[in-house]
C-alpha atoms as a PDB file:
ATOM      1  CA  UNK A   1      52.748  52.249 115.152  1.00  0.00           C
ATOM      2  CA  UNK A   2      49.906  51.535 113.205  1.00  0.00           C
ATOM      3  CA  UNK A   3      48.132  54.449 111.782  1.00  0.00           C
ATOM      4  CA  UNK A   4      49.713  56.882 113.785  1.00  0.00           C
ATOM      5  CA  UNK A   5      50.621  60.553 113.359  1.00  0.00           C
ATOM      6  CA  UNK A   6      54.081  61.596 114.572  1.00  0.00           C
ATOM      7  CA  UNK A   7      55.927  64.787 114.440  1.00  0.00           C
ATOM      8  CA  UNK A   8      59.515  65.069 114.406  1.00  0.00           C
ATOM      9  CA  UNK A   9      60.924  68.355 115.956  1.00  0.00           C
ATOM     10  CA  UNK A  10      64.299  69.240 115.139  1.00  0.00           C
ATOM     11  CA  UNK A  11      66.337  71.741 113.576  1.00  0.00           C
ATOM     12  CA  UNK A  12      68.668  69.430 112.302  1.00  0.00           C
ATOM     13  CA  UNK A  13      67.710  68.398 108.528  1.00  0.00           C
ATOM     14  CA  UNK A  14      69.741  65.080 108.422  1.00  0.00           C
ATOM     15  CA  UNK A  15      68.075  63.708 111.784  1.00  0.00           C
ATOM     16  CA  UNK A  16      64.783  64.297 110.394  1.00  0.00           C
ATOM     17  CA  UNK A  17      65.844  62.809 107.072  1.00  0.00           C
ATOM     18  CA  UNK A  18      67.306  59.731 108.726  1.00  0.00           C
ATOM     19  CA  UNK A  19      64.420  59.028 111.189  1.00  0.00           C
ATOM     20  CA  UNK A  20      61.822  59.633 108.261  1.00  0.00           C
ATOM     21  CA  UNK A  21      63.566  57.004 106.236  1.00  0.00           C
ATOM     22  CA  UNK A  22      63.702  54.435 109.145  1.00  0.00           C
ATOM     23  CA  UNK A  23      60.002  54.884 109.519  1.00  0.00           C
ATOM     24  CA  UNK A  24      59.318  54.732 105.884  1.00  0.00           C
ATOM     25  CA  UNK A  25      61.011  51.280 105.701  1.00  0.00           C
ATOM     26  CA  UNK A  26      58.512  49.881 108.093  1.00  0.00           C
ATOM     27  CA  UNK A  27      55.216  47.918 106.576  1.00  0.00           C
ATOM     28  CA  UNK A  28      52.806  50.320 108.527  1.00  0.00           C
ATOM     29  CA  UNK A  29      54.715  53.594 108.282  1.00  0.00           C
ATOM     30  CA  UNK A  30      53.159  56.553 110.680  1.00  0.00           C
ATOM     31  CA  UNK A  31      51.938  59.822 109.272  1.00  0.00           C
ATOM     32  CA  UNK A  32      54.896  61.842 109.825  1.00  0.00           C
ATOM     33  CA  UNK A  33      55.439  65.953 110.008  1.00  0.00           C
ATOM     34  CA  UNK A  34      58.472  67.438 110.248  1.00  0.00           C
ATOM     35  CA  UNK A  35      58.836  70.996 111.825  1.00  0.00           C
ATOM     36  CA  UNK A  36      61.698  73.250 113.072  1.00  0.00           C
ATOM     37  CA  UNK A  37      61.502  75.111 116.249  1.00  0.00           C
ATOM     38  CA  UNK A  38      60.617  78.049 114.884  1.00  0.00           C
ATOM     39  CA  UNK A  39      57.342  76.940 113.162  1.00  0.00           C
ATOM     40  CA  UNK A  40      56.525  74.589 116.304  1.00  0.00           C
ATOM     41  CA  UNK A  41      53.490  75.389 118.327  1.00  0.00           C
ATOM     42  CA  UNK A  42      51.570  72.407 119.643  1.00  0.00           C
ATOM     43  CA  UNK A  43      48.238  73.997 119.361  1.00  0.00           C
ATOM     44  CA  UNK A  44      49.101  74.688 115.543  1.00  0.00           C
ATOM     45  CA  UNK A  45      50.513  71.122 114.880  1.00  0.00           C
ATOM     46  CA  UNK A  46      48.720  68.595 112.877  1.00  0.00           C
ATOM     47  CA  UNK A  47      47.345  65.903 115.106  1.00  0.00           C
ATOM     48  CA  UNK A  48      49.730  63.675 116.824  1.00  0.00           C
ATOM     49  CA  UNK A  49      50.163  60.769 118.792  1.00  0.00           C
ATOM     50  CA  UNK A  50      53.881  61.227 119.231  1.00  0.00           C
ATOM     51  CA  UNK A  51      56.189  63.966 119.172  1.00  0.00           C
ATOM     52  CA  UNK A  52      59.787  63.220 118.587  1.00  0.00           C
ATOM     53  CA  UNK A  53      62.342  66.069 119.844  1.00  0.00           C
ATOM     54  CA  UNK A  54      65.548  65.685 117.968  1.00  0.00           C
ATOM     55  CA  UNK A  55      68.759  68.319 117.759  1.00  0.00           C
ATOM     56  CA  UNK A  56      67.312  71.821 118.421  1.00  0.00           C
ATOM     57  CA  UNK A  57      69.261  74.918 119.430  1.00  0.00           C
ATOM     58  CA  UNK A  58      70.484  75.366 122.638  1.00  0.00           C
ATOM     59  CA  UNK A  59      68.292  76.371 124.936  1.00  0.00           C
ATOM     60  CA  UNK A  60      65.305  75.186 123.162  1.00  0.00           C
ATOM     61  CA  UNK A  61      64.459  71.981 124.467  1.00  0.00           C
ATOM     62  CA  UNK A  62      62.915  73.323 127.739  1.00  0.00           C
ATOM     63  CA  UNK A  63      60.515  75.903 125.938  1.00  0.00           C
ATOM     64  CA  UNK A  64      59.333  72.729 123.849  1.00  0.00           C
ATOM     65  CA  UNK A  65      58.742  70.485 126.396  1.00  0.00           C
ATOM     66  CA  UNK A  66      56.813  73.268 128.613  1.00  0.00           C
ATOM     67  CA  UNK A  67      54.602  73.630 125.542  1.00  0.00           C
ATOM     68  CA  UNK A  68      53.634  70.139 125.280  1.00  0.00           C
ATOM     69  CA  UNK A  69      50.417  68.889 126.684  1.00  0.00           C
ATOM     70  CA  UNK A  70      51.245  66.501 129.802  1.00  0.00           C
ATOM     71  CA  UNK A  71      49.453  63.550 127.975  1.00  0.00           C
ATOM     72  CA  UNK A  72      51.512  63.828 125.074  1.00  0.00           C
ATOM     73  CA  UNK A  73      53.948  61.025 124.269  1.00  0.00           C
ATOM     74  CA  UNK A  74      57.401  62.382 123.627  1.00  0.00           C
ATOM     75  CA  UNK A  75      60.820  60.740 122.775  1.00  0.00           C
ATOM     76  CA  UNK A  76      63.730  63.082 123.338  1.00  0.00           C
ATOM     77  CA  UNK A  77      66.918  62.706 121.038  1.00  0.00           C
ATOM     78  CA  UNK A  78      69.593  64.993 122.543  1.00  0.00           C
ATOM     79  CA  UNK A  79      73.250  64.193 123.605  1.00  0.00           C
ATOM     80  CA  UNK A  80      72.980  62.933 127.080  1.00  0.00           C
ATOM     81  CA  UNK A  81      76.197  64.810 128.289  1.00  0.00           C
ATOM     82  CA  UNK A  82      74.745  68.029 127.039  1.00  0.00           C
ATOM     83  CA  UNK A  83      74.321  70.912 129.897  1.00  0.00           C
ATOM     84  CA  UNK A  84      70.657  71.333 129.261  1.00  0.00           C
ATOM     85  CA  UNK A  85      69.872  67.364 129.600  1.00  0.00           C
ATOM     86  CA  UNK A  86      70.922  67.604 133.127  1.00  0.00           C
ATOM     87  CA  UNK A  87      68.804  70.273 133.722  1.00  0.00           C
ATOM     88  CA  UNK A  88      65.981  68.352 132.026  1.00  0.00           C
ATOM     89  CA  UNK A  89      66.581  65.480 134.237  1.00  0.00           C
ATOM     90  CA  UNK A  90      65.802  68.106 137.220  1.00  0.00           C
ATOM     91  CA  UNK A  91      62.894  69.053 135.883  1.00  0.00           C
ATOM     92  CA  UNK A  92      61.285  65.954 134.403  1.00  0.00           C
ATOM     93  CA  UNK A  93      62.228  62.964 136.694  1.00  0.00           C
ATOM     94  CA  UNK A  94      60.556  60.506 134.346  1.00  0.00           C
ATOM     95  CA  UNK A  95      62.976  61.218 131.883  1.00  0.00           C
ATOM     96  CA  UNK A  96      64.715  58.028 131.238  1.00  0.00           C
ATOM     97  CA  UNK A  97      68.331  57.646 129.846  1.00  0.00           C
ATOM     98  CA  UNK A  98      69.208  54.876 127.395  1.00  0.00           C
ATOM     99  CA  UNK A  99      72.082  53.678 126.015  1.00  0.00           C
ATOM    100  CA  UNK A 100      72.245  55.626 122.900  1.00  0.00           C
ATOM    101  CA  UNK A 101      71.139  59.242 122.538  1.00  0.00           C
ATOM    102  CA  UNK A 102      67.171  59.121 122.672  1.00  0.00           C
ATOM    103  CA  UNK A 103      65.469  58.979 125.820  1.00  0.00           C
ATOM    104  CA  UNK A 104      61.871  58.804 126.593  1.00  0.00           C
ATOM    105  CA  UNK A 105      59.157  59.504 128.994  1.00  0.00           C
ATOM    106  CA  UNK A 106      57.481  56.821 127.592  1.00  0.00           C
ATOM    107  CA  UNK A 107      59.543  53.987 126.787  1.00  0.00           C
ATOM    108  CA  UNK A 108      56.867  51.183 125.135  1.00  0.00           C
ATOM    109  CA  UNK A 109      56.957  53.995 122.289  1.00  0.00           C
ATOM    110  CA  UNK A 110      59.703  53.462 119.778  1.00  0.00           C
ATOM    111  CA  UNK A 111      60.497  55.071 116.522  1.00  0.00           C
ATOM    112  CA  UNK A 112      61.050  51.645 114.729  1.00  0.00           C
ATOM    113  CA  UNK A 113      61.681  47.888 115.354  1.00  0.00           C
ATOM    114  CA  UNK A 114      64.775  48.406 113.001  1.00  0.00           C
ATOM    115  CA  UNK A 115      67.707  47.493 114.944  1.00  0.00           C
ATOM    116  CA  UNK A 116      69.491  50.078 112.707  1.00  0.00           C
ATOM    117  CA  UNK A 117      67.182  52.877 113.492  1.00  0.00           C
END
């Protein structure tokens, strides 16, 4: 992503650290802001082209997704077997499950080109 602004929204500091490290290894890394659920309000968030929603406290994913503008590009990283993910698939039919734990409504947006990330 060239000159992109990315918000990583997670309550898991290790997830944020690993994802940030992957992107920082890119030649043209995006601007990255990390927020947790307690500090998230999209209208107050820095300008962003992409929001990566990582592991958050149980019951928060739906609230976060509801707060996003419909045009916001989102990559959702949650366990596919979680009860909340099943409920999200019902509410957001465009949500696609991939072979790993990251799911995207916009498959052309990926968190990096490195396979290890």
